[in-house]
Amino acid sequence: MNNQEIFERIKQILVEEFEVDTEQITQDSNLYSELELDSLDSVDLIVALENEFGFKIDRTKDEEDLRELRTVTDVSNFIQSKINN
């Protein structure tokens, strides 16, 4: 799966689960300041990513990486690293 496919799937999650306007979502969009997700949304986002991409995220092991997710690109890179492992 390439980066564009991952981006499109993340974008779909943001639109369907969080009602973000598709026009607002770019690779550089900040999840919190631009797309207006909050801390509870970030938990829901992790669950949605697990369901969409078919893997389990170890919140204890990946805690620091999860805290660093600020942009759509950060999420995409995180997903790519999980797929490659």
PDB file of N, CA and C in Angstrom:
ATOM      1  N   MET A   1       0.851  -1.177   0.000  1.00  0.00           N
ATOM      2  CA  MET A   1       0.000   0.000   0.000  1.00  0.00           C
ATOM      3  C   MET A   1       0.896   1.239   0.000  1.00  0.00           C
ATOM      4  N   ASN A   2       0.618   2.160  -0.900  1.00  0.00           N
ATOM      5  CA  ASN A   2       1.466   3.349  -0.985  1.00  0.00           C
ATOM      6  C   ASN A   2       0.901   4.492  -0.131  1.00  0.00           C
ATOM      7  N   ASN A   3       1.671   5.562  -0.030  1.00  0.00           N
ATOM      8  CA  ASN A   3       1.301   6.690   0.832  1.00  0.00           C
ATOM      9  C   ASN A   3      -0.009   7.352   0.406  1.00  0.00           C
ATOM     10  N   GLN A   4      -0.242   7.437  -0.887  1.00  0.00           N
ATOM     11  CA  GLN A   4      -1.483   8.067  -1.372  1.00  0.00           C
ATOM     12  C   GLN A   4      -2.698   7.237  -0.974  1.00  0.00           C
ATOM     13  N   GLU A   5      -2.596   5.917  -1.070  1.00  0.00           N
ATOM     14  CA  GLU A   5      -3.706   5.043  -0.661  1.00  0.00           C
ATOM     15  C   GLU A   5      -3.975   5.171   0.836  1.00  0.00           C
ATOM     16  N   ILE A   6      -2.909   5.230   1.619  1.00  0.00           N
ATOM     17  CA  ILE A   6      -3.064   5.402   3.068  1.00  0.00           C
ATOM     18  C   ILE A   6      -3.714   6.748   3.359  1.00  0.00           C
ATOM     19  N   PHE A   7      -3.250   7.802   2.694  1.00  0.00           N
ATOM     20  CA  PHE A   7      -3.821   9.134   2.882  1.00  0.00           C
ATOM     21  C   PHE A   7      -5.319   9.130   2.574  1.00  0.00           C
ATOM     22  N   GLU A   8      -5.707   8.522   1.485  1.00  0.00           N
ATOM     23  CA  GLU A   8      -7.118   8.496   1.095  1.00  0.00           C
ATOM     24  C   GLU A   8      -7.967   7.766   2.130  1.00  0.00           C
ATOM     25  N   ARG A   9      -7.444   6.692   2.680  1.00  0.00           N
ATOM     26  CA  ARG A   9      -8.188   5.947   3.700  1.00  0.00           C
ATOM     27  C   ARG A   9      -8.291   6.745   5.004  1.00  0.00           C
ATOM     28  N   ILE A  10      -7.220   7.432   5.378  1.00  0.00           N
ATOM     29  CA  ILE A  10      -7.260   8.295   6.571  1.00  0.00           C
ATOM     30  C   ILE A  10      -8.263   9.424   6.343  1.00  0.00           C
ATOM     31  N   LYS A  11      -8.229  10.007   5.177  1.00  0.00           N
ATOM     32  CA  LYS A  11      -9.146  11.090   4.825  1.00  0.00           C
ATOM     33  C   LYS A  11     -10.596  10.612   4.947  1.00  0.00           C
ATOM     34  N   GLN A  12     -10.865   9.419   4.451  1.00  0.00           N
ATOM     35  CA  GLN A  12     -12.202   8.843   4.529  1.00  0.00           C
ATOM     36  C   GLN A  12     -12.647   8.684   5.988  1.00  0.00           C
ATOM     37  N   ILE A  13     -11.742   8.216   6.840  1.00  0.00           N
ATOM     38  CA  ILE A  13     -12.043   8.079   8.276  1.00  0.00           C
ATOM     39  C   ILE A  13     -12.393   9.436   8.875  1.00  0.00           C
ATOM     40  N   LEU A  14     -11.591  10.447   8.564  1.00  0.00           N
ATOM     41  CA  LEU A  14     -11.821  11.781   9.125  1.00  0.00           C
ATOM     42  C   LEU A  14     -13.166  12.355   8.684  1.00  0.00           C
ATOM     43  N   VAL A  15     -13.537  12.106   7.448  1.00  0.00           N
ATOM     44  CA  VAL A  15     -14.817  12.600   6.932  1.00  0.00           C
ATOM     45  C   VAL A  15     -15.980  11.839   7.559  1.00  0.00           C
ATOM     46  N   GLU A  16     -15.898  10.514   7.555  1.00  0.00           N
ATOM     47  CA  GLU A  16     -17.018   9.693   8.012  1.00  0.00           C
ATOM     48  C   GLU A  16     -17.169   9.666   9.532  1.00  0.00           C
ATOM     49  N   GLU A  17     -16.065   9.561  10.252  1.00  0.00           N
ATOM     50  CA  GLU A  17     -16.129   9.404  11.706  1.00  0.00           C
ATOM     51  C   GLU A  17     -16.167  10.730  12.470  1.00  0.00           C
ATOM     52  N   PHE A  18     -15.530  11.749  11.901  1.00  0.00           N
ATOM     53  CA  PHE A  18     -15.381  13.009  12.628  1.00  0.00           C
ATOM     54  C   PHE A  18     -16.022  14.197  11.918  1.00  0.00           C
ATOM     55  N   GLU A  19     -16.707  13.920  10.803  1.00  0.00           N
ATOM     56  CA  GLU A  19     -17.439  14.932  10.046  1.00  0.00           C
ATOM     57  C   GLU A  19     -16.577  16.126   9.646  1.00  0.00           C
ATOM     58  N   VAL A  20     -15.331  15.831   9.307  1.00  0.00           N
ATOM     59  CA  VAL A  20     -14.423  16.873   8.820  1.00  0.00           C
ATOM     60  C   VAL A  20     -14.730  17.097   7.345  1.00  0.00           C
ATOM     61  N   ASP A  21     -14.766  18.345   6.940  1.00  0.00           N
ATOM     62  CA  ASP A  21     -14.997  18.692   5.543  1.00  0.00           C
ATOM     63  C   ASP A  21     -13.820  18.203   4.703  1.00  0.00           C
ATOM     64  N   THR A  22     -14.119  17.442   3.678  1.00  0.00           N
ATOM     65  CA  THR A  22     -13.070  16.846   2.848  1.00  0.00           C
ATOM     66  C   THR A  22     -12.110  17.893   2.273  1.00  0.00           C
ATOM     67  N   GLU A  23     -12.611  19.093   2.020  1.00  0.00           N
ATOM     68  CA  GLU A  23     -11.774  20.163   1.464  1.00  0.00           C
ATOM     69  C   GLU A  23     -10.722  20.654   2.453  1.00  0.00           C
ATOM     70  N   GLN A  24     -10.939  20.433   3.732  1.00  0.00           N
ATOM     71  CA  GLN A  24      -9.992  20.872   4.765  1.00  0.00           C
ATOM     72  C   GLN A  24      -8.798  19.933   4.898  1.00  0.00           C
ATOM     73  N   ILE A  25      -8.928  18.722   4.414  1.00  0.00           N
ATOM     74  CA  ILE A  25      -7.931  17.691   4.702  1.00  0.00           C
ATOM     75  C   ILE A  25      -6.850  17.662   3.635  1.00  0.00           C
ATOM     76  N   THR A  26      -5.642  17.981   4.084  1.00  0.00           N
ATOM     77  CA  THR A  26      -4.454  17.827   3.248  1.00  0.00           C
ATOM     78  C   THR A  26      -3.453  16.997   4.042  1.00  0.00           C
ATOM     79  N   GLN A  27      -2.377  16.646   3.413  1.00  0.00           N
ATOM     80  CA  GLN A  27      -1.349  15.878   4.107  1.00  0.00           C
ATOM     81  C   GLN A  27      -0.779  16.671   5.283  1.00  0.00           C
ATOM     82  N   ASP A  28      -0.761  17.996   5.171  1.00  0.00           N
ATOM     83  CA  ASP A  28      -0.166  18.842   6.203  1.00  0.00           C
ATOM     84  C   ASP A  28      -1.167  19.345   7.238  1.00  0.00           C
ATOM     85  N   SER A  29      -2.433  18.955   7.118  1.00  0.00           N
ATOM     86  CA  SER A  29      -3.447  19.420   8.064  1.00  0.00           C
ATOM     87  C   SER A  29      -3.121  18.963   9.478  1.00  0.00           C
ATOM     88  N   ASN A  30      -3.198  19.920  10.412  1.00  0.00           N
ATOM     89  CA  ASN A  30      -3.004  19.587  11.818  1.00  0.00           C
ATOM     90  C   ASN A  30      -4.311  19.030  12.351  1.00  0.00           C
ATOM     91  N   LEU A  31      -4.227  17.870  12.989  1.00  0.00           N
ATOM     92  CA  LEU A  31      -5.424  17.188  13.477  1.00  0.00           C
ATOM     93  C   LEU A  31      -6.186  18.023  14.501  1.00  0.00           C
ATOM     94  N   TYR A  32      -5.476  18.775  15.308  1.00  0.00           N
ATOM     95  CA  TYR A  32      -6.095  19.472  16.428  1.00  0.00           C
ATOM     96  C   TYR A  32      -6.432  20.932  16.114  1.00  0.00           C
ATOM     97  N   SER A  33      -5.480  21.680  15.591  1.00  0.00           N
ATOM     98  CA  SER A  33      -5.736  23.107  15.362  1.00  0.00           C
ATOM     99  C   SER A  33      -6.531  23.370  14.085  1.00  0.00           C
ATOM    100  N   GLU A  34      -6.373  22.547  13.069  1.00  0.00           N
ATOM    101  CA  GLU A  34      -7.073  22.779  11.811  1.00  0.00           C
ATOM    102  C   GLU A  34      -8.321  21.903  11.647  1.00  0.00           C
ATOM    103  N   LEU A  35      -8.213  20.640  12.018  1.00  0.00           N
ATOM    104  CA  LEU A  35      -9.340  19.725  11.835  1.00  0.00           C
ATOM    105  C   LEU A  35     -10.201  19.605  13.086  1.00  0.00           C
ATOM    106  N   GLU A  36      -9.760  20.257  14.152  1.00  0.00           N
ATOM    107  CA  GLU A  36     -10.514  20.412  15.394  1.00  0.00           C
ATOM    108  C   GLU A  36     -10.842  19.103  16.114  1.00  0.00           C
ATOM    109  N   LEU A  37      -9.942  18.129  16.031  1.00  0.00           N
ATOM    110  CA  LEU A  37     -10.090  16.935  16.846  1.00  0.00           C
ATOM    111  C   LEU A  37      -9.652  17.273  18.264  1.00  0.00           C
ATOM    112  N   ASP A  38     -10.189  16.559  19.242  1.00  0.00           N
ATOM    113  CA  ASP A  38      -9.764  16.757  20.621  1.00  0.00           C
ATOM    114  C   ASP A  38      -9.169  15.453  21.151  1.00  0.00           C
ATOM    115  N   SER A  39      -8.826  15.425  22.421  1.00  0.00           N
ATOM    116  CA  SER A  39      -8.149  14.247  22.976  1.00  0.00           C
ATOM    117  C   SER A  39      -9.029  13.003  22.921  1.00  0.00           C
ATOM    118  N   LEU A  40     -10.318  13.144  23.108  1.00  0.00           N
ATOM    119  CA  LEU A  40     -11.209  11.986  22.995  1.00  0.00           C
ATOM    120  C   LEU A  40     -11.294  11.503  21.558  1.00  0.00           C
ATOM    121  N   ASP A  41     -11.298  12.442  20.624  1.00  0.00           N
ATOM    122  CA  ASP A  41     -11.299  12.072  19.213  1.00  0.00           C
ATOM    123  C   ASP A  41     -10.047  11.293  18.844  1.00  0.00           C
ATOM    124  N   SER A  42      -8.915  11.629  19.465  1.00  0.00           N
ATOM    125  CA  SER A  42      -7.673  10.925  19.130  1.00  0.00           C
ATOM    126  C   SER A  42      -7.764   9.446  19.505  1.00  0.00           C
ATOM    127  N   VAL A  43      -8.449   9.143  20.605  1.00  0.00           N
ATOM    128  CA  VAL A  43      -8.658   7.742  20.990  1.00  0.00           C
ATOM    129  C   VAL A  43      -9.549   7.059  19.957  1.00  0.00           C
ATOM    130  N   ASP A  44     -10.620   7.736  19.564  1.00  0.00           N
ATOM    131  CA  ASP A  44     -11.515   7.180  18.545  1.00  0.00           C
ATOM    132  C   ASP A  44     -10.794   7.010  17.210  1.00  0.00           C
ATOM    133  N   LEU A  45      -9.892   7.922  16.901  1.00  0.00           N
ATOM    134  CA  LEU A  45      -9.121   7.820  15.666  1.00  0.00           C
ATOM    135  C   LEU A  45      -8.255   6.566  15.678  1.00  0.00           C
ATOM    136  N   ILE A  46      -7.622   6.276  16.788  1.00  0.00           N
ATOM    137  CA  ILE A  46      -6.777   5.080  16.893  1.00  0.00           C
ATOM    138  C   ILE A  46      -7.613   3.829  16.659  1.00  0.00           C
ATOM    139  N   VAL A  47      -8.797   3.766  17.260  1.00  0.00           N
ATOM    140  CA  VAL A  47      -9.684   2.612  17.073  1.00  0.00           C
ATOM    141  C   VAL A  47     -10.099   2.502  15.604  1.00  0.00           C
ATOM    142  N   ALA A  48     -10.441   3.624  14.993  1.00  0.00           N
ATOM    143  CA  ALA A  48     -10.836   3.617  13.583  1.00  0.00           C
ATOM    144  C   ALA A  48      -9.686   3.167  12.684  1.00  0.00           C
ATOM    145  N   LEU A  49      -8.468   3.594  13.000  1.00  0.00           N
ATOM    146  CA  LEU A  49      -7.297   3.170  12.221  1.00  0.00           C
ATOM    147  C   LEU A  49      -7.059   1.676  12.366  1.00  0.00           C
ATOM    148  N   GLU A  50      -7.214   1.163  13.582  1.00  0.00           N
ATOM    149  CA  GLU A  50      -7.057  -0.281  13.801  1.00  0.00           C
ATOM    150  C   GLU A  50      -8.057  -1.052  12.954  1.00  0.00           C
ATOM    151  N   ASN A  51      -9.286  -0.595  12.950  1.00  0.00           N
ATOM    152  CA  ASN A  51     -10.325  -1.281  12.179  1.00  0.00           C
ATOM    153  C   ASN A  51     -10.080  -1.176  10.677  1.00  0.00           C
ATOM    154  N   GLU A  52      -9.703  -0.011  10.223  1.00  0.00           N
ATOM    155  CA  GLU A  52      -9.505   0.228   8.789  1.00  0.00           C
ATOM    156  C   GLU A  52      -8.312  -0.533   8.229  1.00  0.00           C
ATOM    157  N   PHE A  53      -7.218  -0.563   8.992  1.00  0.00           N
ATOM    158  CA  PHE A  53      -5.985  -1.140   8.471  1.00  0.00           C
ATOM    159  C   PHE A  53      -5.713  -2.549   8.989  1.00  0.00           C
ATOM    160  N   GLY A  54      -6.555  -3.038   9.894  1.00  0.00           N
ATOM    161  CA  GLY A  54      -6.501  -4.438  10.302  1.00  0.00           C
ATOM    162  C   GLY A  54      -5.328  -4.830  11.182  1.00  0.00           C
ATOM    163  N   PHE A  55      -4.895  -3.942  12.056  1.00  0.00           N
ATOM    164  CA  PHE A  55      -3.863  -4.310  13.017  1.00  0.00           C
ATOM    165  C   PHE A  55      -4.180  -3.685  14.356  1.00  0.00           C
ATOM    166  N   LYS A  56      -3.538  -4.201  15.383  1.00  0.00           N
ATOM    167  CA  LYS A  56      -3.743  -3.710  16.747  1.00  0.00           C
ATOM    168  C   LYS A  56      -2.580  -2.800  17.106  1.00  0.00           C
ATOM    169  N   ILE A  57      -2.892  -1.658  17.676  1.00  0.00           N
ATOM    170  CA  ILE A  57      -1.871  -0.719  18.129  1.00  0.00           C
ATOM    171  C   ILE A  57      -1.670  -0.940  19.620  1.00  0.00           C
ATOM    172  N   ASP A  58      -0.441  -1.244  19.990  1.00  0.00           N
ATOM    173  CA  ASP A  58      -0.102  -1.445  21.398  1.00  0.00           C
ATOM    174  C   ASP A  58       0.081  -0.072  22.037  1.00  0.00           C
ATOM    175  N   ARG A  59      -0.936   0.371  22.745  1.00  0.00           N
ATOM    176  CA  ARG A  59      -0.905   1.729  23.288  1.00  0.00           C
ATOM    177  C   ARG A  59       0.240   1.947  24.270  1.00  0.00           C
ATOM    178  N   THR A  60       0.650   0.901  24.970  1.00  0.00           N
ATOM    179  CA  THR A  60       1.770   1.022  25.899  1.00  0.00           C
ATOM    180  C   THR A  60       3.075   1.166  25.132  1.00  0.00           C
ATOM    181  N   LYS A  61       3.308   0.280  24.183  1.00  0.00           N
ATOM    182  CA  LYS A  61       4.543   0.295  23.402  1.00  0.00           C
ATOM    183  C   LYS A  61       4.621   1.518  22.484  1.00  0.00           C
ATOM    184  N   ASP A  62       3.489   1.891  21.901  1.00  0.00           N
ATOM    185  CA  ASP A  62       3.459   2.973  20.915  1.00  0.00           C
ATOM    186  C   ASP A  62       3.040   4.316  21.502  1.00  0.00           C
ATOM    187  N   GLU A  63       2.969   4.410  22.821  1.00  0.00           N
ATOM    188  CA  GLU A  63       2.435   5.617  23.472  1.00  0.00           C
ATOM    189  C   GLU A  63       3.146   6.889  23.025  1.00  0.00           C
ATOM    190  N   GLU A  64       4.462   6.865  23.026  1.00  0.00           N
ATOM    191  CA  GLU A  64       5.206   8.063  22.646  1.00  0.00           C
ATOM    192  C   GLU A  64       4.966   8.422  21.184  1.00  0.00           C
ATOM    193  N   ASP A  65       4.960   7.416  20.302  1.00  0.00           N
ATOM    194  CA  ASP A  65       4.686   7.669  18.879  1.00  0.00           C
ATOM    195  C   ASP A  65       3.291   8.252  18.692  1.00  0.00           C
ATOM    196  N   LEU A  66       2.322   7.734  19.441  1.00  0.00           N
ATOM    197  CA  LEU A  66       0.951   8.222  19.322  1.00  0.00           C
ATOM    198  C   LEU A  66       0.833   9.685  19.753  1.00  0.00           C
ATOM    199  N   ARG A  67       1.581  10.075  20.765  1.00  0.00           N
ATOM    200  CA  ARG A  67       1.557  11.467  21.229  1.00  0.00           C
ATOM    201  C   ARG A  67       2.134  12.427  20.201  1.00  0.00           C
ATOM    202  N   GLU A  68       2.996  11.913  19.337  1.00  0.00           N
ATOM    203  CA  GLU A  68       3.652  12.751  18.329  1.00  0.00           C
ATOM    204  C   GLU A  68       2.800  12.955  17.075  1.00  0.00           C
ATOM    205  N   LEU A  69       1.679  12.282  16.983  1.00  0.00           N
ATOM    206  CA  LEU A  69       0.829  12.407  15.799  1.00  0.00           C
ATOM    207  C   LEU A  69       0.110  13.747  15.830  1.00  0.00           C
ATOM    208  N   ARG A  70       0.519  14.639  14.962  1.00  0.00           N
ATOM    209  CA  ARG A  70      -0.073  15.975  14.910  1.00  0.00           C
ATOM    210  C   ARG A  70      -0.714  16.269  13.554  1.00  0.00           C
ATOM    211  N   THR A  71      -0.140  15.753  12.497  1.00  0.00           N
ATOM    212  CA  THR A  71      -0.655  16.032  11.151  1.00  0.00           C
ATOM    213  C   THR A  71      -1.123  14.739  10.492  1.00  0.00           C
ATOM    214  N   VAL A  72      -1.827  14.902   9.397  1.00  0.00           N
ATOM    215  CA  VAL A  72      -2.273  13.738   8.628  1.00  0.00           C
ATOM    216  C   VAL A  72      -1.057  12.953   8.132  1.00  0.00           C
ATOM    217  N   THR A  73       0.004  13.644   7.754  1.00  0.00           N
ATOM    218  CA  THR A  73       1.234  12.960   7.328  1.00  0.00           C
ATOM    219  C   THR A  73       1.824  12.142   8.468  1.00  0.00           C
ATOM    220  N   ASP A  74       1.803  12.673   9.685  1.00  0.00           N
ATOM    221  CA  ASP A  74       2.288  11.905  10.839  1.00  0.00           C
ATOM    222  C   ASP A  74       1.509  10.599  10.978  1.00  0.00           C
ATOM    223  N   VAL A  75       0.193  10.686  10.833  1.00  0.00           N
ATOM    224  CA  VAL A  75      -0.648   9.488  10.939  1.00  0.00           C
ATOM    225  C   VAL A  75      -0.315   8.518   9.810  1.00  0.00           C
ATOM    226  N   SER A  76      -0.169   9.036   8.616  1.00  0.00           N
ATOM    227  CA  SER A  76       0.164   8.207   7.453  1.00  0.00           C
ATOM    228  C   SER A  76       1.503   7.489   7.644  1.00  0.00           C
ATOM    229  N   ASN A  77       2.507   8.215   8.120  1.00  0.00           N
ATOM    230  CA  ASN A  77       3.820   7.610   8.358  1.00  0.00           C
ATOM    231  C   ASN A  77       3.749   6.544   9.448  1.00  0.00           C
ATOM    232  N   PHE A  78       2.953   6.800  10.483  1.00  0.00           N
ATOM    233  CA  PHE A  78       2.770   5.824  11.557  1.00  0.00           C
ATOM    234  C   PHE A  78       2.126   4.549  11.006  1.00  0.00           C
ATOM    235  N   ILE A  79       1.098   4.711  10.195  1.00  0.00           N
ATOM    236  CA  ILE A  79       0.424   3.557   9.583  1.00  0.00           C
ATOM    237  C   ILE A  79       1.398   2.789   8.699  1.00  0.00           C
ATOM    238  N   GLN A  80       2.160   3.513   7.896  1.00  0.00           N
ATOM    239  CA  GLN A  80       3.131   2.881   7.000  1.00  0.00           C
ATOM    240  C   GLN A  80       4.139   2.062   7.815  1.00  0.00           C
ATOM    241  N   SER A  81       4.598   2.596   8.942  1.00  0.00           N
ATOM    242  CA  SER A  81       5.564   1.851   9.765  1.00  0.00           C
ATOM    243  C   SER A  81       4.938   0.587  10.340  1.00  0.00           C
ATOM    244  N   LYS A  82       3.660   0.642  10.684  1.00  0.00           N
ATOM    245  CA  LYS A  82       2.964  -0.541  11.203  1.00  0.00           C
ATOM    246  C   LYS A  82       2.766  -1.588  10.116  1.00  0.00           C
ATOM    247  N   ILE A  83       2.452  -1.147   8.925  1.00  0.00           N
ATOM    248  CA  ILE A  83       2.245  -2.079   7.810  1.00  0.00           C
ATOM    249  C   ILE A  83       3.552  -2.772   7.449  1.00  0.00           C
ATOM    250  N   ASN A  84       4.667  -2.029   7.550  1.00  0.00           N
ATOM    251  CA  ASN A  84       5.959  -2.582   7.178  1.00  0.00           C
ATOM    252  C   ASN A  84       6.532  -3.533   8.236  1.00  0.00           C
ATOM    253  N   ASN A  85       5.953  -3.568   9.433  1.00  0.00           N
ATOM    254  CA  ASN A  85       6.462  -4.456  10.494  1.00  0.00           C
ATOM    255  C   ASN A  85       5.781  -5.771  10.494  1.00  0.00           C
TER     256      ASN A  85
END
